[in-house]
C-alpha atoms as a PDB file:
ATOM      1  CA  MET A   1     -23.212  69.669 147.293  1.00  0.00           C
ATOM      2  CA  THR A   2     -20.532  67.293 147.813  1.00  0.00           C
ATOM      3  CA  LYS A   3     -21.530  63.641 147.338  1.00  0.00           C
ATOM      4  CA  GLU A   4     -22.428  63.185 151.038  1.00  0.00           C
ATOM      5  CA  GLU A   5     -24.416  66.272 151.253  1.00  0.00           C
ATOM      6  CA  LEU A   6     -26.422  65.301 148.052  1.00  0.00           C
ATOM      7  CA  LYS A   7     -27.148  62.018 149.609  1.00  0.00           C
ATOM      8  CA  LYS A   8     -28.411  63.461 152.802  1.00  0.00           C
ATOM      9  CA  ALA A   9     -30.418  66.159 150.849  1.00  0.00           C
ATOM     10  CA  LEU A  10     -32.065  63.318 148.612  1.00  0.00           C
ATOM     11  CA  GLU A  11     -32.764  61.182 151.729  1.00  0.00           C
ATOM     12  CA  GLU A  12     -34.565  64.080 153.777  1.00  0.00           C
ATOM     13  CA  CYS A  13     -36.367  64.952 150.571  1.00  0.00           C
ATOM     14  CA  TYR A  14     -37.848  61.713 149.813  1.00  0.00           C
ATOM     15  CA  LYS A  15     -38.584  60.947 153.364  1.00  0.00           C
ATOM     16  CA  ILE A  16     -40.465  64.575 153.890  1.00  0.00           C
ATOM     17  CA  ILE A  17     -42.686  63.917 151.142  1.00  0.00           C
ATOM     18  CA  VAL A  18     -43.344  60.133 152.421  1.00  0.00           C
ATOM     19  CA  SER A  19     -44.392  62.005 155.723  1.00  0.00           C
ATOM     20  CA  ASP A  20     -46.731  64.246 153.868  1.00  0.00           C
ATOM     21  CA  VAL A  21     -48.599  61.665 152.052  1.00  0.00           C
ATOM     22  CA  GLU A  22     -48.727  59.277 154.696  1.00  0.00           C
ATOM     23  CA  ASN A  23     -51.142  61.646 156.427  1.00  0.00           C
ATOM     24  CA  ILE A  24     -53.476  61.950 153.599  1.00  0.00           C
ATOM     25  CA  GLU A  25     -56.581  59.549 153.783  1.00  0.00           C
ATOM     26  CA  GLU A  26     -56.385  56.641 151.232  1.00  0.00           C
ATOM     27  CA  ILE A  27     -59.520  57.765 149.389  1.00  0.00           C
ATOM     28  CA  GLN A  28     -58.145  61.191 148.812  1.00  0.00           C
ATOM     29  CA  PHE A  29     -54.772  59.932 148.003  1.00  0.00           C
ATOM     30  CA  PHE A  30     -56.046  58.391 144.728  1.00  0.00           C
ATOM     31  CA  VAL A  31     -58.424  61.356 143.643  1.00  0.00           C
ATOM     32  CA  PRO A  32     -57.376  63.509 140.586  1.00  0.00           C
ATOM     33  CA  ILE A  33     -56.402  67.210 141.702  1.00  0.00           C
ATOM     34  CA  GLY A  34     -58.736  68.810 139.053  1.00  0.00           C
ATOM     35  CA  GLU A  35     -57.257  68.295 135.800  1.00  0.00           C
ATOM     36  CA  LYS A  36     -53.814  67.497 137.552  1.00  0.00           C
ATOM     37  CA  TRP A  37     -52.739  63.937 138.808  1.00  0.00           C
ATOM     38  CA  SER A  38     -53.958  62.680 142.101  1.00  0.00           C
ATOM     39  CA  VAL A  39     -51.251  62.223 144.977  1.00  0.00           C
ATOM     40  CA  ALA A  40     -51.001  58.488 143.942  1.00  0.00           C
ATOM     41  CA  GLU A  41     -50.093  59.524 140.400  1.00  0.00           C
ATOM     42  CA  ASN A  42     -47.405  61.954 141.576  1.00  0.00           C
ATOM     43  CA  ILE A  43     -45.878  59.501 143.766  1.00  0.00           C
ATOM     44  CA  LEU A  44     -45.939  56.970 140.851  1.00  0.00           C
ATOM     45  CA  HIS A  45     -44.442  59.210 138.451  1.00  0.00           C
ATOM     46  CA  LEU A  46     -41.604  59.951 140.757  1.00  0.00           C
ATOM     47  CA  THR A  47     -41.135  56.332 141.250  1.00  0.00           C
ATOM     48  CA  GLN A  48     -41.205  55.536 137.702  1.00  0.00           C
ATOM     49  CA  SER A  49     -38.529  58.440 137.128  1.00  0.00           C
ATOM     50  CA  VAL A  50     -36.266  57.091 139.828  1.00  0.00           C
ATOM     51  CA  LYS A  51     -36.522  53.575 138.378  1.00  0.00           C
ATOM     52  CA  GLY A  52     -35.263  54.806 135.199  1.00  0.00           C
ATOM     53  CA  LEU A  53     -32.364  56.524 136.640  1.00  0.00           C
ATOM     54  CA  ASN A  54     -31.593  53.435 138.927  1.00  0.00           C
ATOM     55  CA  GLN A  55     -31.388  51.380 135.857  1.00  0.00           C
ATOM     56  CA  GLY A  56     -28.696  53.689 134.343  1.00  0.00           C
ATOM     57  CA  MET A  57     -26.849  53.927 137.714  1.00  0.00           C
ATOM     58  CA  SER A  58     -26.386  50.105 137.541  1.00  0.00           C
ATOM     59  CA  LEU A  59     -24.729  50.109 134.383  1.00  0.00           C
ATOM     60  CA  PRO A  60     -20.996  49.900 134.476  1.00  0.00           C
ATOM     61  CA  LYS A  61     -19.216  53.191 134.311  1.00  0.00           C
ATOM     62  CA  ALA A  62     -17.384  52.308 131.033  1.00  0.00           C
ATOM     63  CA  PHE A  63     -20.587  51.648 129.402  1.00  0.00           C
ATOM     64  CA  LEU A  64     -22.064  54.946 130.615  1.00  0.00           C
ATOM     65  CA  GLU A  65     -19.041  56.591 128.928  1.00  0.00           C
ATOM     66  CA  GLN A  66     -19.422  54.713 125.894  1.00  0.00           C
ATOM     67  CA  GLN A  67     -23.046  55.390 125.171  1.00  0.00           C
ATOM     68  CA  PHE A  68     -23.122  58.937 126.770  1.00  0.00           C
ATOM     69  CA  GLY A  69     -19.595  60.064 126.429  1.00  0.00           C
ATOM     70  CA  LYS A  70     -18.000  62.290 129.202  1.00  0.00           C
ATOM     71  CA  ILE A  71     -19.480  65.943 129.653  1.00  0.00           C
ATOM     72  CA  ASP A  72     -17.773  68.603 127.624  1.00  0.00           C
ATOM     73  CA  ARG A  73     -18.971  71.742 128.965  1.00  0.00           C
ATOM     74  CA  PRO A  74     -19.070  73.638 132.624  1.00  0.00           C
ATOM     75  CA  THR A  75     -21.340  71.669 135.092  1.00  0.00           C
ATOM     76  CA  TYR A  76     -24.553  73.287 136.101  1.00  0.00           C
ATOM     77  CA  SER A  77     -24.968  74.276 139.745  1.00  0.00           C
ATOM     78  CA  TYR A  78     -28.074  73.122 141.555  1.00  0.00           C
ATOM     79  CA  ASP A  79     -29.717  76.465 140.647  1.00  0.00           C
ATOM     80  CA  GLY A  80     -28.679  76.225 137.161  1.00  0.00           C
ATOM     81  CA  VAL A  81     -30.239  72.445 136.840  1.00  0.00           C
ATOM     82  CA  VAL A  82     -33.395  73.964 138.291  1.00  0.00           C
ATOM     83  CA  GLU A  83     -33.422  76.888 135.779  1.00  0.00           C
ATOM     84  CA  HIS A  84     -32.780  74.649 132.811  1.00  0.00           C
ATOM     85  CA  TYR A  85     -35.665  72.282 133.813  1.00  0.00           C
ATOM     86  CA  LEU A  86     -38.056  75.327 134.403  1.00  0.00           C
ATOM     87  CA  ALA A  87     -37.090  76.624 131.036  1.00  0.00           C
ATOM     88  CA  VAL A  88     -37.994  73.439 129.349  1.00  0.00           C
ATOM     89  CA  LEU A  89     -41.125  73.053 131.384  1.00  0.00           C
ATOM     90  CA  ALA A  90     -42.136  76.497 130.200  1.00  0.00           C
ATOM     91  CA  THR A  91     -42.124  75.444 126.483  1.00  0.00           C
ATOM     92  CA  GLY A  92     -44.975  73.263 127.315  1.00  0.00           C
ATOM     93  CA  VAL A  93     -43.000  69.746 127.840  1.00  0.00           C
ATOM     94  CA  ALA A  94     -44.838  67.424 129.856  1.00  0.00           C
ATOM     95  CA  ALA A  95     -44.460  63.909 131.108  1.00  0.00           C
ATOM     96  CA  ARG A  96     -44.925  61.196 128.327  1.00  0.00           C
ATOM     97  CA  GLY A  97     -44.369  57.543 127.661  1.00  0.00           C
ATOM     98  CA  GLY A  98     -43.174  55.359 130.611  1.00  0.00           C
ATOM     99  CA  PHE A  99     -43.219  58.745 132.715  1.00  0.00           C
ATOM    100  CA  VAL A 100     -46.940  59.081 132.356  1.00  0.00           C
ATOM    101  CA  PRO A 101     -48.544  57.389 135.594  1.00  0.00           C
ATOM    102  CA  LYS A 102     -50.683  54.488 135.023  1.00  0.00           C
ATOM    103  CA  MET A 103     -52.464  53.189 138.101  1.00  0.00           C
ATOM    104  CA  PRO A 104     -52.210  49.295 138.604  1.00  0.00           C
ATOM    105  CA  GLU A 105     -55.299  47.265 139.126  1.00  0.00           C
ATOM    106  CA  ASN A 106     -56.326  47.718 142.517  1.00  0.00           C
ATOM    107  CA  PRO A 107     -53.402  50.023 143.732  1.00  0.00           C
ATOM    108  CA  SER A 108     -52.403  50.268 147.371  1.00  0.00           C
ATOM    109  CA  LYS A 109     -51.333  53.231 148.782  1.00  0.00           C
ATOM    110  CA  GLU A 110     -49.018  51.781 151.183  1.00  0.00           C
ATOM    111  CA  LEU A 111     -47.304  49.892 148.399  1.00  0.00           C
ATOM    112  CA  LEU A 112     -46.931  52.902 146.185  1.00  0.00           C
ATOM    113  CA  ILE A 113     -45.295  54.758 149.346  1.00  0.00           C
ATOM    114  CA  SER A 114     -43.243  51.645 149.780  1.00  0.00           C
ATOM    115  CA  SER A 115     -42.026  51.602 146.371  1.00  0.00           C
ATOM    116  CA  PHE A 116     -41.194  55.316 146.165  1.00  0.00           C
ATOM    117  CA  ALA A 117     -39.169  55.241 149.331  1.00  0.00           C
ATOM    118  CA  LYS A 118     -37.122  51.965 148.497  1.00  0.00           C
ATOM    119  CA  HIS A 119     -36.257  53.167 144.905  1.00  0.00           C
ATOM    120  CA  HIS A 120     -35.356  56.708 146.095  1.00  0.00           C
ATOM    121  CA  GLN A 121     -33.078  55.153 148.851  1.00  0.00           C
ATOM    122  CA  THR A 122     -31.449  52.817 146.072  1.00  0.00           C
ATOM    123  CA  LEU A 123     -30.463  55.993 144.129  1.00  0.00           C
ATOM    124  CA  ALA A 124     -28.961  57.545 147.419  1.00  0.00           C
ATOM    125  CA  ASP A 125     -27.043  54.464 147.918  1.00  0.00           C
ATOM    126  CA  PHE A 126     -25.661  54.491 144.326  1.00  0.00           C
ATOM    127  CA  LEU A 127     -23.588  57.473 145.373  1.00  0.00           C
ATOM    128  CA  ASN A 128     -21.322  55.038 147.415  1.00  0.00           C
ATOM    129  CA  ASP A 129     -20.134  53.995 144.282  1.00  0.00           C
ATOM    130  CA  TRP A 130     -18.919  57.384 142.827  1.00  0.00           C
ATOM    131  CA  SER A 131     -16.208  59.502 143.499  1.00  0.00           C
ATOM    132  CA  GLU A 132     -16.533  63.279 143.637  1.00  0.00           C
ATOM    133  CA  THR A 133     -14.668  63.642 140.118  1.00  0.00           C
ATOM    134  CA  GLU A 134     -16.751  61.141 138.531  1.00  0.00           C
ATOM    135  CA  LEU A 135     -19.916  62.667 139.537  1.00  0.00           C
ATOM    136  CA  ASP A 136     -18.814  65.714 137.310  1.00  0.00           C
ATOM    137  CA  GLU A 137     -17.387  63.598 134.458  1.00  0.00           C
ATOM    138  CA  TYR A 138     -19.895  60.819 133.405  1.00  0.00           C
ATOM    139  CA  CYS A 139     -23.185  61.666 132.104  1.00  0.00           C
ATOM    140  CA  ILE A 140     -26.563  60.098 131.533  1.00  0.00           C
ATOM    141  CA  LYS A 141     -29.293  61.250 129.056  1.00  0.00           C
ATOM    142  CA  HIS A 142     -32.483  62.699 130.610  1.00  0.00           C
ATOM    143  CA  PRO A 143     -35.615  62.409 128.406  1.00  0.00           C
ATOM    144  CA  VAL A 144     -35.840  66.172 127.997  1.00  0.00           C
ATOM    145  CA  LEU A 145     -32.845  68.101 129.723  1.00  0.00           C
ATOM    146  CA  LYS A 146     -30.324  65.852 127.463  1.00  0.00           C
ATOM    147  CA  ASN A 147     -27.239  64.910 128.954  1.00  0.00           C
ATOM    148  CA  LEU A 148     -26.727  65.579 132.489  1.00  0.00           C
ATOM    149  CA  THR A 149     -23.697  64.699 134.706  1.00  0.00           C
ATOM    150  CA  ILE A 150     -24.505  62.263 137.462  1.00  0.00           C
ATOM    151  CA  ARG A 151     -24.492  65.071 140.182  1.00  0.00           C
ATOM    152  CA  GLU A 152     -26.529  67.148 137.777  1.00  0.00           C
ATOM    153  CA  PHE A 153     -28.929  64.388 137.550  1.00  0.00           C
ATOM    154  CA  TYR A 154     -28.883  63.957 141.394  1.00  0.00           C
ATOM    155  CA  TYR A 155     -29.751  67.701 141.670  1.00  0.00           C
ATOM    156  CA  PHE A 156     -32.698  67.251 139.096  1.00  0.00           C
ATOM    157  CA  MET A 157     -34.086  64.176 141.261  1.00  0.00           C
ATOM    158  CA  HIS A 158     -33.981  66.139 144.321  1.00  0.00           C
ATOM    159  CA  TYR A 159     -35.628  69.340 142.761  1.00  0.00           C
ATOM    160  CA  HIS A 160     -38.130  66.935 140.946  1.00  0.00           C
ATOM    161  CA  ILE A 161     -39.319  65.333 144.461  1.00  0.00           C
ATOM    162  CA  LEU A 162     -39.962  69.123 145.591  1.00  0.00           C
ATOM    163  CA  HIS A 163     -41.657  70.180 142.441  1.00  0.00           C
ATOM    164  CA  HIS A 164     -44.273  67.513 142.708  1.00  0.00           C
ATOM    165  CA  ARG A 165     -44.326  67.989 146.583  1.00  0.00           C
ATOM    166  CA  LYS A 166     -45.439  71.641 145.715  1.00  0.00           C
ATOM    167  CA  ALA A 167     -48.715  69.916 144.002  1.00  0.00           C
ATOM    168  CA  ILE A 168     -49.420  67.534 146.665  1.00  0.00           C
ATOM    169  CA  LEU A 169     -49.217  70.123 149.442  1.00  0.00           C
ATOM    170  CA  ARG A 170     -51.483  72.378 147.450  1.00  0.00           C
ATOM    171  CA  TYR A 171     -53.986  69.295 147.271  1.00  0.00           C
ATOM    172  CA  SER A 172     -53.743  68.659 151.026  1.00  0.00           C
ATOM    173  CA  LYS A 173     -54.750  72.144 151.804  1.00  0.00           C
ATOM    174  CA  MET A 174     -57.792  71.994 149.323  1.00  0.00           C
ATOM    175  CA  SER A 175     -59.126  68.746 151.264  1.00  0.00           C
END
């Protein structure tokens, strides 16, 4: 995907999940899905994930290069990133640390959705600061996928939303 295609895909993806969850009753929004996270916890997890990447994307490129180097392998396609992620998940890896959603006291559905949308739009907007070449040269370390180029990380973020959307849609069909 080009930078513009990637930005459009990310914006469409996060807006779709916002539309999905806005239609879920507030009380159901916070109810766990069996042993799985509630819709609210899925949204919070996605927000926590994007906030971490936004912090990295706000750093100077020279700092990213010093911290993580430049990528020294062929870049993954979108499907390659998804395959890599699913292979890692198949080993039993799960969210941990700051990526495990902890609901704030008196959580608000509206606030959780608003924060999710705001932070994902910020991520989409960061693409304006990168050239096509830089997206494939610079990298940031993912907690389990290791160093990913900026473009690969955006591919991951897009898929990550879709991955959690599946759980949310399964839940909404159950209720």
